[in-house]
Amino acid sequence: MQAGATLSLNSTPVKATATDDGVDLEININGEIVSMDARLLIGCDGAHSWTRRNFKMGRPNEMMIGFQTEVQGYEGKNRWLEMYSGSAIAPGFFAWVIPSGFGSHRIGVWSTPNRLDGKSVEQCYEDLLNHEMWQDRFENITETARYCGPIPSGMVKKTVSNRVILLGDAAGMAKPT
C-alpha cells in the first residue's frame, strides 16, 4: 500500500481496458461507479475470474469441485499428511487429512462432476468418514468450519497480457487445501 496500491473492498469490476501505459478501470463501490487507472492489474479473483474473462485469457483445462472441513479431535500420526484414494471416496482423485495447527486438521476431497456419477463431493466426504477401514479415525472429530467450491485445474493459456497478470485460481494455479 505504501508503494501506491489501492485496495477497494466491497467492490466489483464493471469495465477494464488495457493500454500501453496501464489499465483504465471502472469499479462499483457500494453502488457508485468509480474510475481509476493502474500501471498493472493483478487478477486474483478466483476460479470464475472476471479479469480472465474480460481480457479473454483462456480457461483452465478442467474445473473440479472440492469439499473440505476444519475439525478438532482428529488423532493423526505425528502430524503427518494422510491421503486416501479409491473411486468410492474420491473418484479419479484423492481425499486428505492435513494437520493445520493447534490440534486442528483439514479433511477434504475433490473430484470432477463427470466422475461423481450423481454423487456430491459432500457425500464422498461422508463416505470417507464412514468407511469401515477408517471410520475409527474420525469418530471423535468436531467440525468447526466447512468449505466447498470450484477448483480450476491446468493453467490458462495466457497468464500475462498487456498490463494484466493472473494469479492463483484465476490462472488455474490451484492448490485445493
Protein backbone atom coordinates (compact mmCIF):
# COMPACT_ATOMS: atom_id res chain seq x y z
CA MET A 1 0.00 0.00 0.00
CA GLN A 2 2.90 2.35 0.73
CA ALA A 3 4.04 1.95 -2.88
CA GLY A 4 0.72 3.24 -4.19
CA ALA A 5 -1.57 0.22 -4.44
CA THR A 6 -5.28 0.76 -3.89
CA LEU A 7 -7.44 -1.74 -2.06
CA SER A 8 -11.16 -1.48 -2.80
CA LEU A 9 -13.23 -3.74 -0.57
CA ASN A 10 -16.92 -4.42 -1.23
CA SER A 11 -16.41 -3.60 -4.89
CA THR A 12 -16.99 -5.26 -8.24
CA PRO A 13 -15.34 -4.52 -11.58
CA VAL A 14 -17.55 -3.03 -14.27
CA LYS A 15 -15.12 -2.30 -17.09
CA ALA A 16 -11.38 -2.60 -17.71
CA THR A 17 -9.33 -1.67 -20.76
CA ALA A 18 -5.60 -2.22 -21.13
CA THR A 19 -3.49 0.43 -22.85
CA ASP A 20 0.24 0.70 -23.46
CA ASP A 21 0.54 2.86 -20.33
CA GLY A 22 -1.71 0.93 -17.94
CA VAL A 23 -5.25 -0.24 -17.31
CA ASP A 24 -8.30 2.02 -17.20
CA LEU A 25 -10.81 0.65 -14.69
CA GLU A 26 -14.38 1.28 -13.65
CA ILE A 27 -15.50 -0.37 -10.43
CA ASN A 28 -18.72 -0.36 -8.49
CA ILE A 29 -18.09 0.55 -4.85
CA ASN A 30 -21.30 0.35 -2.81
CA GLY A 31 -23.41 1.40 -5.80
CA GLU A 32 -21.14 4.20 -7.01
CA ILE A 33 -19.16 3.78 -10.26
CA VAL A 34 -15.58 4.92 -9.68
CA SER A 35 -12.97 5.36 -12.43
CA MET A 36 -9.31 4.72 -11.76
CA ASP A 37 -6.19 3.75 -13.60
CA ALA A 38 -3.36 1.40 -12.75
CA ARG A 39 0.01 0.52 -14.19
CA LEU A 40 -0.79 -3.17 -13.66
CA LEU A 41 -3.98 -5.13 -13.00
CA ILE A 42 -3.45 -8.31 -10.99
CA GLY A 43 -6.36 -10.72 -11.34
CA CYS A 44 -6.56 -12.85 -8.18
CA ASP A 45 -10.31 -13.08 -8.40
CA GLY A 46 -10.99 -16.78 -8.14
CA ALA A 47 -11.98 -19.76 -10.22
CA HIS A 48 -14.58 -17.81 -12.23
CA SER A 49 -12.28 -14.82 -12.73
CA TRP A 50 -13.87 -11.66 -14.12
CA THR A 51 -10.39 -10.45 -15.11
CA ARG A 52 -9.63 -13.64 -17.07
CA ARG A 53 -12.98 -13.49 -18.88
CA ASN A 54 -12.84 -9.73 -19.56
CA PHE A 55 -9.38 -9.94 -21.14
CA LYS A 56 -10.10 -13.26 -22.91
CA MET A 57 -7.10 -15.03 -21.36
CA GLY A 58 -8.39 -18.58 -21.77
CA ARG A 59 -9.88 -21.16 -19.45
CA PRO A 60 -8.46 -23.80 -17.12
CA ASN A 61 -8.29 -27.28 -18.65
CA GLU A 62 -10.77 -28.66 -16.17
CA MET A 63 -12.95 -27.43 -13.33
CA MET A 64 -13.08 -29.66 -10.28
CA ILE A 65 -15.14 -29.34 -7.14
CA GLY A 66 -13.73 -29.60 -3.65
CA PHE A 67 -15.20 -30.04 -0.20
CA GLN A 68 -13.17 -29.50 2.97
CA THR A 69 -13.82 -29.21 6.69
CA GLU A 70 -11.76 -27.91 9.57
CA VAL A 71 -12.05 -30.25 12.54
CA GLN A 72 -10.84 -30.71 16.11
CA GLY A 73 -10.31 -34.07 17.78
CA TYR A 74 -8.68 -35.99 14.94
CA GLU A 75 -5.96 -38.34 16.15
CA GLY A 76 -3.43 -38.41 13.34
CA LYS A 77 0.04 -39.92 13.27
CA ASN A 78 2.73 -37.46 14.35
CA ARG A 79 1.17 -34.56 12.41
CA TRP A 80 1.59 -36.39 9.08
CA LEU A 81 -0.39 -35.70 5.94
CA GLU A 82 -2.76 -38.58 5.18
CA MET A 83 -4.11 -39.33 1.71
CA TYR A 84 -6.98 -41.60 0.72
CA SER A 85 -7.89 -42.80 -2.74
CA GLY A 86 -10.42 -45.02 -4.41
CA SER A 87 -13.48 -44.47 -6.56
CA ALA A 88 -15.83 -44.80 -3.58
CA ILE A 89 -14.12 -41.90 -1.82
CA ALA A 90 -12.66 -39.54 -4.41
CA PRO A 91 -13.46 -40.72 -7.95
CA GLY A 92 -10.38 -40.04 -10.09
CA PHE A 93 -8.59 -38.05 -7.40
CA PHE A 94 -7.91 -38.27 -3.66
CA ALA A 95 -9.02 -37.21 -0.21
CA TRP A 96 -6.74 -35.80 2.50
CA VAL A 97 -6.27 -35.07 6.16
CA ILE A 98 -3.78 -32.27 6.83
CA PRO A 99 -2.71 -31.01 10.25
CA SER A 100 -3.37 -27.27 10.32
CA GLY A 101 -2.08 -26.39 13.78
CA PHE A 102 -3.21 -26.23 17.41
CA GLY A 103 -4.95 -29.62 17.29
CA SER A 104 -6.89 -28.72 14.16
CA HIS A 105 -6.97 -30.71 10.90
CA ARG A 106 -8.38 -30.14 7.42
CA ILE A 107 -10.24 -33.07 5.90
CA GLY A 108 -11.15 -32.78 2.24
CA VAL A 109 -11.98 -34.46 -1.02
CA TRP A 110 -12.09 -33.36 -4.65
CA SER A 111 -13.25 -34.73 -7.96
CA THR A 112 -14.83 -33.62 -11.22
CA PRO A 113 -18.59 -33.54 -11.79
CA ASN A 114 -18.41 -36.12 -14.60
CA ARG A 115 -16.65 -38.62 -12.30
CA LEU A 116 -19.08 -38.29 -9.38
CA ASP A 117 -21.82 -40.36 -11.04
CA GLY A 118 -24.59 -38.30 -9.45
CA LYS A 119 -22.98 -38.06 -6.00
CA SER A 120 -21.92 -34.81 -4.40
CA VAL A 121 -18.42 -34.22 -3.06
CA GLU A 122 -20.05 -33.80 0.34
CA GLN A 123 -21.35 -37.37 0.02
CA CYS A 124 -17.82 -38.52 -0.89
CA TYR A 125 -16.61 -36.80 2.28
CA GLU A 126 -19.25 -38.62 4.34
CA ASP A 127 -18.25 -41.89 2.65
CA LEU A 128 -14.65 -41.29 3.76
CA LEU A 129 -15.67 -40.64 7.37
CA ASN A 130 -17.91 -43.72 7.46
CA HIS A 131 -15.67 -46.12 5.52
CA GLU A 132 -15.22 -49.34 7.50
CA MET A 133 -11.43 -49.22 7.15
CA TRP A 134 -11.07 -45.71 8.57
CA GLN A 135 -14.19 -44.73 10.49
CA ASP A 136 -12.48 -45.17 13.88
CA ARG A 137 -10.03 -42.38 12.93
CA PHE A 138 -12.89 -39.92 12.50
CA GLU A 139 -15.23 -40.89 15.35
CA ASN A 140 -14.07 -38.15 17.76
CA ILE A 141 -13.94 -35.20 15.38
CA THR A 142 -15.88 -32.00 15.85
CA GLU A 143 -16.38 -29.89 12.75
CA THR A 144 -15.57 -26.20 13.18
CA ALA A 145 -15.89 -24.99 9.56
CA ARG A 146 -16.73 -26.27 6.09
CA TYR A 147 -15.85 -25.06 2.62
CA CYS A 148 -16.98 -26.11 -0.84
CA GLY A 149 -16.20 -24.67 -4.23
CA PRO A 150 -14.69 -24.90 -7.67
CA ILE A 151 -11.01 -25.76 -8.13
CA PRO A 152 -9.55 -24.91 -11.55
CA SER A 153 -7.01 -27.39 -12.91
CA GLY A 154 -4.46 -26.61 -15.57
CA MET A 155 -3.04 -23.15 -16.18
CA VAL A 156 -4.79 -20.91 -18.64
CA LYS A 157 -3.04 -20.32 -21.97
CA LYS A 158 -2.22 -16.69 -21.18
CA THR A 159 -1.42 -15.76 -17.58
CA VAL A 160 0.12 -12.46 -18.70
CA SER A 161 -1.28 -9.98 -21.18
CA ASN A 162 -0.67 -6.28 -21.82
CA ARG A 163 -0.61 -4.80 -18.28
CA VAL A 164 -2.66 -7.70 -16.86
CA ILE A 165 -1.47 -10.74 -14.90
CA LEU A 166 -3.47 -13.65 -13.47
CA LEU A 167 -2.50 -15.46 -10.28
CA GLY A 168 -3.90 -18.29 -8.16
CA ASP A 169 -7.27 -19.82 -9.04
CA ALA A 170 -7.84 -17.15 -11.71
CA ALA A 171 -4.82 -18.51 -13.61
CA GLY A 172 -5.64 -22.17 -12.97
CA MET A 173 -2.80 -22.38 -10.41
CA ALA A 174 -4.84 -24.02 -7.68
CA LYS A 175 -4.00 -25.97 -4.57
CA PRO A 176 -7.20 -27.31 -3.01
CA THR A 177 -6.06 -27.41 0.59
